[in-house]
Amino acid sequence: MTYQELVEFLNQHLGYPLLGGLSPAEALQAAQNNTLEDPLTAEVLIAIYQGNHCQALGDPVDRAHSFDGLARLRLRAQADDADPFIFRKVLKLSQELDNAFDQELIRQRQ
């Protein structure tokens, strides 16, 4: 699975708009330029991109590197003083990230 495919999967399955009507390329560029409206989305997009050492949208991503990239965010969201709304969003993100790689594995085995 590529970075772009993963971001598109998450955008379709999270239950909230990850890309906000932007293409994955536009959203990543806005996140990198600190011009994306939602700072959580910006952090997610950059964390997965950097965690997988991507140089382009078509670069491959994997489960372990994606979760490694999101580790700080996940720990912050689980803190005792974390906003429950953010906790729920990050929990859903983690579930759907796992689901994306599960679906990719199923697709590869067919």
Protein backbone atom coordinates (compact mmCIF):
# COMPACT_ATOMS: atom_id res chain seq x y z
CA MET A 1 0.00 0.00 0.00
CA THR A 2 1.24 3.49 -0.76
CA TYR A 3 0.99 6.58 1.41
CA GLN A 4 -1.66 8.01 -0.91
CA GLU A 5 -3.72 4.80 -0.82
CA LEU A 6 -3.57 4.73 2.97
CA VAL A 7 -4.64 8.36 3.31
CA GLU A 8 -7.51 7.82 0.88
CA PHE A 9 -8.60 4.71 2.84
CA LEU A 10 -8.54 6.64 6.11
CA ASN A 11 -10.46 9.52 4.58
CA GLN A 12 -13.21 7.10 3.53
CA HIS A 13 -13.38 5.08 6.76
CA LEU A 14 -12.73 7.41 9.70
CA GLY A 15 -16.24 8.79 9.95
CA TYR A 16 -14.85 12.32 9.79
CA PRO A 17 -13.22 14.03 6.82
CA LEU A 18 -9.46 13.66 7.02
CA LEU A 19 -8.71 15.51 3.81
CA GLY A 20 -11.40 18.19 4.01
CA GLY A 21 -12.07 18.08 0.27
CA LEU A 22 -8.39 18.28 -0.66
CA SER A 23 -6.42 15.70 -2.57
CA PRO A 24 -3.83 13.76 -0.55
CA ALA A 25 -1.09 15.81 -2.21
CA GLU A 26 -2.78 19.12 -1.38
CA ALA A 27 -3.50 18.07 2.20
CA LEU A 28 0.06 16.90 2.82
CA GLN A 29 1.50 20.08 1.34
CA ALA A 30 -0.83 22.21 3.47
CA ALA A 31 0.14 20.17 6.55
CA GLN A 32 3.83 20.66 5.81
CA ASN A 33 3.27 24.39 5.30
CA ASN A 34 1.22 24.71 8.51
CA THR A 35 -1.78 25.94 6.54
CA LEU A 36 -4.14 23.01 7.10
CA GLU A 37 -7.18 24.04 9.14
CA ASP A 38 -7.15 21.03 11.48
CA PRO A 39 -3.88 20.70 13.43
CA LEU A 40 -4.70 17.09 14.37
CA THR A 41 -5.06 16.14 10.70
CA ALA A 42 -1.80 17.92 9.91
CA GLU A 43 -0.03 15.98 12.64
CA VAL A 44 -1.48 12.67 11.42
CA LEU A 45 -0.56 13.25 7.79
CA ILE A 46 3.00 14.29 8.62
CA ALA A 47 3.52 11.59 11.25
CA ILE A 48 2.56 8.76 8.90
CA TYR A 49 4.60 10.27 6.04
CA GLN A 50 7.70 10.73 8.16
CA GLY A 51 7.25 7.50 10.10
CA ASN A 52 7.43 5.60 6.83
CA HIS A 53 10.35 7.70 5.54
CA CYS A 54 8.30 8.71 2.50
CA GLN A 55 9.69 10.98 -0.16
CA ALA A 56 6.60 10.90 -2.39
CA LEU A 57 2.90 10.03 -2.18
CA GLY A 58 3.49 6.80 -4.06
CA ASP A 59 6.02 5.47 -1.56
CA PRO A 60 5.10 2.27 0.28
CA VAL A 61 3.90 2.39 3.89
CA ASP A 62 3.55 -0.37 6.45
CA ARG A 63 1.70 -0.93 9.68
CA ALA A 64 4.69 -0.81 12.04
CA HIS A 65 6.18 2.40 10.66
CA SER A 66 2.78 4.08 10.51
CA PHE A 67 2.06 3.30 14.15
CA ASP A 68 5.62 4.30 15.12
CA GLY A 69 5.06 7.66 13.44
CA LEU A 70 1.84 8.17 15.41
CA ALA A 71 3.27 7.06 18.77
CA ARG A 72 3.58 10.56 20.27
CA LEU A 73 0.07 11.52 19.25
CA ARG A 74 -1.36 8.27 20.59
CA LEU A 75 0.42 8.71 23.93
CA ARG A 76 -0.77 12.31 24.23
CA ALA A 77 -4.33 11.27 23.45
CA GLN A 78 -4.22 8.65 26.23
CA ALA A 79 -2.99 11.05 28.91
CA ASP A 80 -5.25 11.60 31.91
CA ASP A 81 -5.82 15.24 30.97
CA ALA A 82 -6.44 14.57 27.25
CA ASP A 83 -9.53 15.99 25.58
CA PRO A 84 -12.07 13.12 25.25
CA PHE A 85 -12.96 14.30 21.73
CA ILE A 86 -9.31 14.00 20.63
CA PHE A 87 -9.03 10.64 22.39
CA ARG A 88 -11.98 9.29 20.41
CA LYS A 89 -10.62 10.61 17.11
CA VAL A 90 -7.19 9.09 17.72
CA LEU A 91 -8.74 5.81 18.85
CA LYS A 92 -10.80 5.64 15.64
CA LEU A 93 -7.69 6.54 13.64
CA SER A 94 -5.77 3.67 15.24
CA GLN A 95 -8.59 1.22 14.56
CA GLU A 96 -8.94 2.25 10.93
CA LEU A 97 -5.19 2.29 10.39
CA ASP A 98 -5.11 -1.32 11.55
CA ASN A 99 -8.13 -2.07 9.35
CA ALA A 100 -6.39 -0.57 6.30
CA PHE A 101 -3.45 -2.92 6.63
CA ASP A 102 -5.72 -5.89 7.38
CA GLN A 103 -7.70 -5.18 4.20
CA GLU A 104 -4.46 -4.85 2.22
CA LEU A 105 -3.29 -8.23 3.53
CA ILE A 106 -6.60 -9.85 2.58
CA ARG A 107 -6.42 -8.31 -0.88
CA GLN A 108 -2.86 -9.60 -1.38
CA ARG A 109 -3.86 -13.15 -0.42
CA GLN A 110 -6.74 -13.35 -2.92
